[in-house]
Amino acid sequence: MDAEFKKAVVIADQLETEISDMDLGLTYIEIAKMSEFTALKIREQIPMYTGNINPKWKLYDNVVALLKGRVNDG
């Protein structure tokens, strides 16, 4: 597992934990879907560099892909 993917795992775990800590009575799948939605919204706020994709976009693409996998495996 490369460092960039490990960073994505940490962010995905943090998003799930923070949403879970809100104690909204959500199932794990609902928490994972909310985390995915949040990661997508964060990515939308990161500006694109002219002529180059922002490395943070790649990070959040990895976070979203990881969360989608968790939803599908859950």
Protein backbone atom coordinates (compact mmCIF):
# COMPACT_ATOMS: atom_id res chain seq x y z
CA MET A 1 0.00 0.00 0.00
CA ASP A 2 1.57 3.30 -1.05
CA ALA A 3 1.67 6.41 1.13
CA GLU A 4 -1.01 8.21 -0.89
CA PHE A 5 -3.47 5.33 -0.46
CA LYS A 6 -2.69 5.12 3.27
CA LYS A 7 -3.53 8.82 3.52
CA ALA A 8 -6.84 8.17 1.73
CA VAL A 9 -7.64 5.36 4.19
CA VAL A 10 -7.00 7.70 7.13
CA ILE A 11 -9.28 10.39 5.66
CA ALA A 12 -12.04 7.87 4.87
CA ASP A 13 -11.83 6.45 8.40
CA GLN A 14 -11.94 9.95 9.91
CA LEU A 15 -15.00 10.91 7.88
CA GLU A 16 -16.82 7.73 8.95
CA THR A 17 -15.83 8.20 12.59
CA GLU A 18 -16.91 11.83 12.72
CA ILE A 19 -20.27 11.07 11.11
CA SER A 20 -20.75 8.07 13.41
CA ASP A 21 -19.90 10.24 16.44
CA MET A 22 -22.84 12.49 15.58
CA ASP A 23 -25.01 9.60 16.82
CA LEU A 24 -27.73 10.03 14.20
CA GLY A 25 -28.81 6.40 14.35
CA LEU A 26 -27.42 5.65 10.88
CA THR A 27 -26.47 2.19 9.68
CA TYR A 28 -22.89 1.55 8.59
CA ILE A 29 -23.92 1.75 4.91
CA GLU A 30 -25.64 5.10 5.52
CA ILE A 31 -22.52 6.38 7.30
CA ALA A 32 -20.30 5.23 4.41
CA LYS A 33 -22.62 6.87 1.86
CA MET A 34 -22.64 10.12 3.87
CA SER A 35 -18.84 9.95 4.05
CA GLU A 36 -18.66 9.46 0.28
CA PHE A 37 -20.96 12.45 -0.27
CA THR A 38 -18.83 14.57 2.07
CA ALA A 39 -15.59 13.57 0.31
CA LEU A 40 -17.10 14.51 -3.05
CA LYS A 41 -18.18 17.89 -1.68
CA ILE A 42 -14.69 18.50 -0.26
CA ARG A 43 -13.15 17.65 -3.65
CA GLU A 44 -15.45 20.16 -5.37
CA GLN A 45 -13.95 22.92 -3.20
CA ILE A 46 -10.36 22.16 -4.25
CA PRO A 47 -9.36 24.38 -7.19
CA MET A 48 -7.95 22.88 -10.37
CA TYR A 49 -4.47 23.95 -11.42
CA THR A 50 -4.25 25.22 -14.98
CA GLY A 51 -2.84 22.46 -17.14
CA ASN A 52 -2.40 20.05 -14.25
CA ILE A 53 -4.72 18.14 -11.94
CA ASN A 54 -4.37 19.10 -8.31
CA PRO A 55 -2.76 16.23 -6.36
CA LYS A 56 -5.45 16.65 -3.70
CA TRP A 57 -8.02 15.74 -6.35
CA LYS A 58 -6.26 12.40 -6.76
CA LEU A 59 -6.26 11.95 -2.97
CA TYR A 60 -9.99 12.60 -2.73
CA ASP A 61 -10.65 10.43 -5.80
CA ASN A 62 -8.96 7.65 -3.80
CA VAL A 63 -11.04 8.48 -0.71
CA VAL A 64 -14.27 8.34 -2.73
CA ALA A 65 -13.25 5.08 -4.44
CA LEU A 66 -12.40 3.54 -1.09
CA LEU A 67 -15.73 4.61 0.44
CA LYS A 68 -17.66 3.34 -2.59
CA GLY A 69 -15.93 -0.01 -2.12
CA ARG A 70 -16.96 -0.06 1.52
CA VAL A 71 -20.58 0.66 0.57
CA ASN A 72 -20.58 -2.11 -2.03
CA ASP A 73 -18.91 -4.61 0.30
CA GLY A 74 -21.05 -3.64 3.30
